[in-house]
Amino acid sequence: MTPFTWNEENIAIVKARYLSGHTATVIMHEIGAPSRNSVIGKIDRLGLRRDRSMPVFRAQRRSSRHFAISAYDMVQKLERRARRAMRKEMPPEPPVPPREMPIAPECPPMGERCQLMDLTSKTCRWPIGQVGHEDFFFCGAVPEEDSPYCPYHNVVAHK
């Protein structure tokens, strides 16, 4: 690849295109300049100014002929395509069957209910009622192994 040089032909093209309303990007692609900023710098050094009411001819953004895609952008694009393709090919996940809940035994009888100071490791710690009211208590039934709750409240707690 030969290095880019500003010759009279390129300068004439820049002047003509810029004054006719083309953008620096379009001009860059036409003359093969290394960057858009090199064209902008040349326009500035030449002292070119154009009327603000003049329409500007912009490069078409969708065309790959006008813009070079960086390697990083290309990799990202290919990865997105691959992910989309994988999603289309993968069968849908089967629906999760509803968890079968064990049948809860009846709530313990009134005789097993206890107050805060009566709780031990051998009593169900499920609170019943409104904290602070005189009718507030704990279940007090025998808890399941490795659980602070009786079989009934274990089912309620893990619904």
C-alpha atoms as a PDB file:
ATOM      1  CA  MET A   1       0.000   0.000   0.000  1.00  0.00           C
ATOM      2  CA  THR A   2       1.393   3.369  -0.945  1.00  0.00           C
ATOM      3  CA  PRO A   3       1.319   6.174   1.622  1.00  0.00           C
ATOM      4  CA  PHE A   4      -1.179   8.940   1.033  1.00  0.00           C
ATOM      5  CA  THR A   5       0.120  12.325  -0.129  1.00  0.00           C
ATOM      6  CA  TRP A   6      -1.691  15.581  -0.690  1.00  0.00           C
ATOM      7  CA  ASN A   7      -1.177  16.408  -4.369  1.00  0.00           C
ATOM      8  CA  GLU A   8      -2.867  19.052  -6.526  1.00  0.00           C
ATOM      9  CA  GLU A   9      -5.428  16.550  -7.807  1.00  0.00           C
ATOM     10  CA  ASN A  10      -6.518  15.528  -4.294  1.00  0.00           C
ATOM     11  CA  ILE A  11      -6.680  19.162  -3.163  1.00  0.00           C
ATOM     12  CA  ALA A  12      -8.836  20.058  -6.185  1.00  0.00           C
ATOM     13  CA  ILE A  13     -11.223  17.180  -5.386  1.00  0.00           C
ATOM     14  CA  VAL A  14     -11.409  18.275  -1.723  1.00  0.00           C
ATOM     15  CA  LYS A  15     -12.235  21.871  -2.702  1.00  0.00           C
ATOM     16  CA  ALA A  16     -14.851  20.876  -5.265  1.00  0.00           C
ATOM     17  CA  ARG A  17     -16.573  18.261  -3.084  1.00  0.00           C
ATOM     18  CA  TYR A  18     -16.516  20.316   0.122  1.00  0.00           C
ATOM     19  CA  LEU A  19     -17.926  23.419  -1.546  1.00  0.00           C
ATOM     20  CA  SER A  20     -20.628  21.316  -3.247  1.00  0.00           C
ATOM     21  CA  GLY A  21     -21.795  20.041   0.159  1.00  0.00           C
ATOM     22  CA  HIS A  22     -20.114  16.642   0.631  1.00  0.00           C
ATOM     23  CA  THR A  23     -18.937  15.609   4.102  1.00  0.00           C
ATOM     24  CA  ALA A  24     -15.332  14.929   5.078  1.00  0.00           C
ATOM     25  CA  THR A  25     -16.156  11.220   5.344  1.00  0.00           C
ATOM     26  CA  VAL A  26     -17.390  11.054   1.754  1.00  0.00           C
ATOM     27  CA  ILE A  27     -14.352  12.985   0.550  1.00  0.00           C
ATOM     28  CA  MET A  28     -12.007  10.739   2.556  1.00  0.00           C
ATOM     29  CA  HIS A  29     -13.359   7.622   0.843  1.00  0.00           C
ATOM     30  CA  GLU A  30     -13.199   9.197  -2.598  1.00  0.00           C
ATOM     31  CA  ILE A  31      -9.555  10.301  -2.433  1.00  0.00           C
ATOM     32  CA  GLY A  32      -8.321   7.481  -0.190  1.00  0.00           C
ATOM     33  CA  ALA A  33      -7.224   9.725   2.686  1.00  0.00           C
ATOM     34  CA  PRO A  34      -6.059   7.930   5.855  1.00  0.00           C
ATOM     35  CA  SER A  35      -8.720   9.520   8.078  1.00  0.00           C
ATOM     36  CA  ARG A  36     -11.648  11.888   8.175  1.00  0.00           C
ATOM     37  CA  ASN A  37      -9.658  14.240  10.393  1.00  0.00           C
ATOM     38  CA  SER A  38      -6.910  14.540   7.789  1.00  0.00           C
ATOM     39  CA  VAL A  39      -9.534  15.838   5.351  1.00  0.00           C
ATOM     40  CA  ILE A  40     -10.966  18.214   7.965  1.00  0.00           C
ATOM     41  CA  GLY A  41      -7.468  19.517   8.727  1.00  0.00           C
ATOM     42  CA  LYS A  42      -6.756  20.134   5.028  1.00  0.00           C
ATOM     43  CA  ILE A  43     -10.104  21.942   4.633  1.00  0.00           C
ATOM     44  CA  ASP A  44      -9.218  24.132   7.619  1.00  0.00           C
ATOM     45  CA  ARG A  45      -5.682  24.858   6.340  1.00  0.00           C
ATOM     46  CA  LEU A  46      -7.101  25.784   2.936  1.00  0.00           C
ATOM     47  CA  GLY A  47      -9.472  28.204   4.694  1.00  0.00           C
ATOM     48  CA  LEU A  48     -12.537  26.758   2.978  1.00  0.00           C
ATOM     49  CA  ARG A  49     -15.915  27.875   4.330  1.00  0.00           C
ATOM     50  CA  ARG A  50     -19.323  26.986   2.983  1.00  0.00           C
ATOM     51  CA  ASP A  51     -22.725  28.577   3.315  1.00  0.00           C
ATOM     52  CA  ARG A  52     -24.729  27.106   6.220  1.00  0.00           C
ATOM     53  CA  SER A  53     -27.891  26.950   4.103  1.00  0.00           C
ATOM     54  CA  MET A  54     -26.231  24.540   1.637  1.00  0.00           C
ATOM     55  CA  PRO A  55     -27.494  20.947   1.820  1.00  0.00           C
ATOM     56  CA  VAL A  56     -24.926  18.431   3.042  1.00  0.00           C
ATOM     57  CA  PHE A  57     -24.493  15.153   1.195  1.00  0.00           C
ATOM     58  CA  ARG A  58     -23.731  12.482   3.773  1.00  0.00           C
ATOM     59  CA  ALA A  59     -22.367   9.000   3.345  1.00  0.00           C
ATOM     60  CA  GLN A  60     -24.922   6.223   3.539  1.00  0.00           C
ATOM     61  CA  ARG A  61     -24.430   4.585   6.899  1.00  0.00           C
ATOM     62  CA  ARG A  62     -25.723   1.156   5.896  1.00  0.00           C
ATOM     63  CA  SER A  63     -23.282   0.624   3.064  1.00  0.00           C
ATOM     64  CA  SER A  64     -20.117  -1.303   3.890  1.00  0.00           C
ATOM     65  CA  ARG A  65     -18.431   0.363   0.897  1.00  0.00           C
ATOM     66  CA  HIS A  66     -18.294   3.677   2.761  1.00  0.00           C
ATOM     67  CA  PHE A  67     -17.158   2.544   6.192  1.00  0.00           C
ATOM     68  CA  ALA A  68     -14.507   0.086   7.229  1.00  0.00           C
ATOM     69  CA  ILE A  69     -15.519  -2.090  10.196  1.00  0.00           C
ATOM     70  CA  SER A  70     -12.895  -2.546  12.875  1.00  0.00           C
ATOM     71  CA  ALA A  71     -11.815  -6.075  13.748  1.00  0.00           C
ATOM     72  CA  TYR A  72     -13.352  -5.701  17.223  1.00  0.00           C
ATOM     73  CA  ASP A  73     -16.720  -4.635  15.768  1.00  0.00           C
ATOM     74  CA  MET A  74     -16.637  -7.507  13.306  1.00  0.00           C
ATOM     75  CA  VAL A  75     -15.980 -10.031  16.094  1.00  0.00           C
ATOM     76  CA  GLN A  76     -18.830  -8.547  18.147  1.00  0.00           C
ATOM     77  CA  LYS A  77     -21.164  -8.751  15.146  1.00  0.00           C
ATOM     78  CA  LEU A  78     -20.244 -12.382  14.465  1.00  0.00           C
ATOM     79  CA  GLU A  79     -20.690 -13.321  18.130  1.00  0.00           C
ATOM     80  CA  ARG A  80     -24.170 -11.746  18.178  1.00  0.00           C
ATOM     81  CA  ARG A  81     -25.097 -13.697  15.042  1.00  0.00           C
ATOM     82  CA  ALA A  82     -23.810 -16.940  16.570  1.00  0.00           C
ATOM     83  CA  ARG A  83     -25.776 -16.357  19.787  1.00  0.00           C
ATOM     84  CA  ARG A  84     -28.960 -15.656  17.796  1.00  0.00           C
ATOM     85  CA  ALA A  85     -28.437 -18.794  15.719  1.00  0.00           C
ATOM     86  CA  MET A  86     -27.840 -20.904  18.829  1.00  0.00           C
ATOM     87  CA  ARG A  87     -31.049 -19.564  20.408  1.00  0.00           C
ATOM     88  CA  LYS A  88     -33.009 -20.532  17.299  1.00  0.00           C
ATOM     89  CA  GLU A  89     -31.505 -24.034  17.170  1.00  0.00           C
ATOM     90  CA  MET A  90     -31.905 -24.840  20.862  1.00  0.00           C
ATOM     91  CA  PRO A  91     -35.133 -26.597  21.765  1.00  0.00           C
ATOM     92  CA  PRO A  92     -37.222 -24.700  24.290  1.00  0.00           C
ATOM     93  CA  GLU A  93     -36.694 -25.719  27.872  1.00  0.00           C
ATOM     94  CA  PRO A  94     -39.432 -28.000  29.141  1.00  0.00           C
ATOM     95  CA  PRO A  95     -41.753 -26.357  31.621  1.00  0.00           C
ATOM     96  CA  VAL A  96     -40.883 -26.976  35.237  1.00  0.00           C
ATOM     97  CA  PRO A  97     -43.555 -29.157  36.795  1.00  0.00           C
ATOM     98  CA  PRO A  98     -45.183 -27.667  39.856  1.00  0.00           C
ATOM     99  CA  ARG A  99     -43.541 -28.779  43.056  1.00  0.00           C
ATOM    100  CA  GLU A 100     -45.665 -31.263  44.915  1.00  0.00           C
ATOM    101  CA  MET A 101     -46.301 -30.030  48.403  1.00  0.00           C
ATOM    102  CA  PRO A 102     -46.562 -32.559  51.180  1.00  0.00           C
ATOM    103  CA  ILE A 103     -49.922 -32.748  52.796  1.00  0.00           C
ATOM    104  CA  ALA A 104     -49.774 -30.586  55.882  1.00  0.00           C
ATOM    105  CA  PRO A 105     -50.915 -32.116  59.132  1.00  0.00           C
ATOM    106  CA  GLU A 106     -53.407 -30.212  61.185  1.00  0.00           C
ATOM    107  CA  CYS A 107     -52.327 -27.205  63.234  1.00  0.00           C
ATOM    108  CA  PRO A 108     -51.223 -28.311  66.729  1.00  0.00           C
ATOM    109  CA  PRO A 109     -53.771 -28.261  69.536  1.00  0.00           C
ATOM    110  CA  MET A 110     -54.013 -25.315  71.927  1.00  0.00           C
ATOM    111  CA  GLY A 111     -52.281 -27.206  74.733  1.00  0.00           C
ATOM    112  CA  GLU A 112     -48.909 -27.223  72.892  1.00  0.00           C
ATOM    113  CA  ARG A 113     -48.779 -23.456  72.310  1.00  0.00           C
ATOM    114  CA  CYS A 114     -46.185 -21.493  74.291  1.00  0.00           C
ATOM    115  CA  GLN A 115     -44.820 -18.020  75.047  1.00  0.00           C
ATOM    116  CA  LEU A 116     -41.394 -16.627  74.111  1.00  0.00           C
ATOM    117  CA  MET A 117     -39.755 -17.622  77.401  1.00  0.00           C
ATOM    118  CA  ASP A 118     -41.015 -21.215  77.009  1.00  0.00           C
ATOM    119  CA  LEU A 119     -39.311 -21.823  73.607  1.00  0.00           C
ATOM    120  CA  THR A 120     -36.635 -24.513  73.492  1.00  0.00           C
ATOM    121  CA  SER A 121     -34.888 -26.468  70.731  1.00  0.00           C
ATOM    122  CA  LYS A 122     -37.680 -29.030  71.093  1.00  0.00           C
ATOM    123  CA  THR A 123     -40.557 -26.620  70.350  1.00  0.00           C
ATOM    124  CA  CYS A 124     -41.844 -25.175  67.064  1.00  0.00           C
ATOM    125  CA  ARG A 125     -40.878 -21.492  66.822  1.00  0.00           C
ATOM    126  CA  TRP A 126     -43.642 -20.434  64.412  1.00  0.00           C
ATOM    127  CA  PRO A 127     -45.158 -17.127  65.643  1.00  0.00           C
ATOM    128  CA  ILE A 128     -48.924 -16.902  65.739  1.00  0.00           C
ATOM    129  CA  GLY A 129     -50.832 -13.651  66.126  1.00  0.00           C
ATOM    130  CA  GLN A 130     -49.752 -10.016  66.317  1.00  0.00           C
ATOM    131  CA  VAL A 131     -46.478  -9.296  68.141  1.00  0.00           C
ATOM    132  CA  GLY A 132     -47.168  -7.213  71.234  1.00  0.00           C
ATOM    133  CA  HIS A 133     -50.780  -8.335  71.753  1.00  0.00           C
ATOM    134  CA  GLU A 134     -51.613 -10.476  74.730  1.00  0.00           C
ATOM    135  CA  ASP A 135     -52.936 -13.286  72.490  1.00  0.00           C
ATOM    136  CA  PHE A 136     -49.536 -13.618  70.701  1.00  0.00           C
ATOM    137  CA  PHE A 137     -47.843 -17.029  71.090  1.00  0.00           C
ATOM    138  CA  PHE A 138     -45.632 -19.616  69.356  1.00  0.00           C
ATOM    139  CA  CYS A 139     -46.787 -22.961  68.005  1.00  0.00           C
ATOM    140  CA  GLY A 140     -44.845 -25.079  70.521  1.00  0.00           C
ATOM    141  CA  ALA A 141     -45.376 -28.433  68.758  1.00  0.00           C
ATOM    142  CA  VAL A 142     -42.514 -30.912  68.294  1.00  0.00           C
ATOM    143  CA  PRO A 143     -40.336 -29.682  65.368  1.00  0.00           C
ATOM    144  CA  GLU A 144     -39.040 -31.776  62.506  1.00  0.00           C
ATOM    145  CA  GLU A 145     -35.398 -32.832  62.620  1.00  0.00           C
ATOM    146  CA  ASP A 146     -33.017 -30.013  61.473  1.00  0.00           C
ATOM    147  CA  SER A 147     -35.860 -27.498  61.348  1.00  0.00           C
ATOM    148  CA  PRO A 148     -37.173 -24.891  63.778  1.00  0.00           C
ATOM    149  CA  TYR A 149     -40.768 -25.683  62.731  1.00  0.00           C
ATOM    150  CA  CYS A 150     -43.244 -28.528  63.155  1.00  0.00           C
ATOM    151  CA  PRO A 151     -44.319 -30.505  60.033  1.00  0.00           C
ATOM    152  CA  TYR A 152     -47.347 -28.237  59.488  1.00  0.00           C
ATOM    153  CA  HIS A 153     -45.425 -24.932  59.660  1.00  0.00           C
ATOM    154  CA  ASN A 154     -42.516 -26.366  57.662  1.00  0.00           C
ATOM    155  CA  VAL A 155     -44.935 -26.845  54.762  1.00  0.00           C
ATOM    156  CA  VAL A 156     -46.310 -23.313  55.232  1.00  0.00           C
ATOM    157  CA  ALA A 157     -42.814 -21.796  55.412  1.00  0.00           C
ATOM    158  CA  HIS A 158     -41.575 -23.489  52.236  1.00  0.00           C
ATOM    159  CA  LYS A 159     -44.519 -22.973  49.886  1.00  0.00           C
END
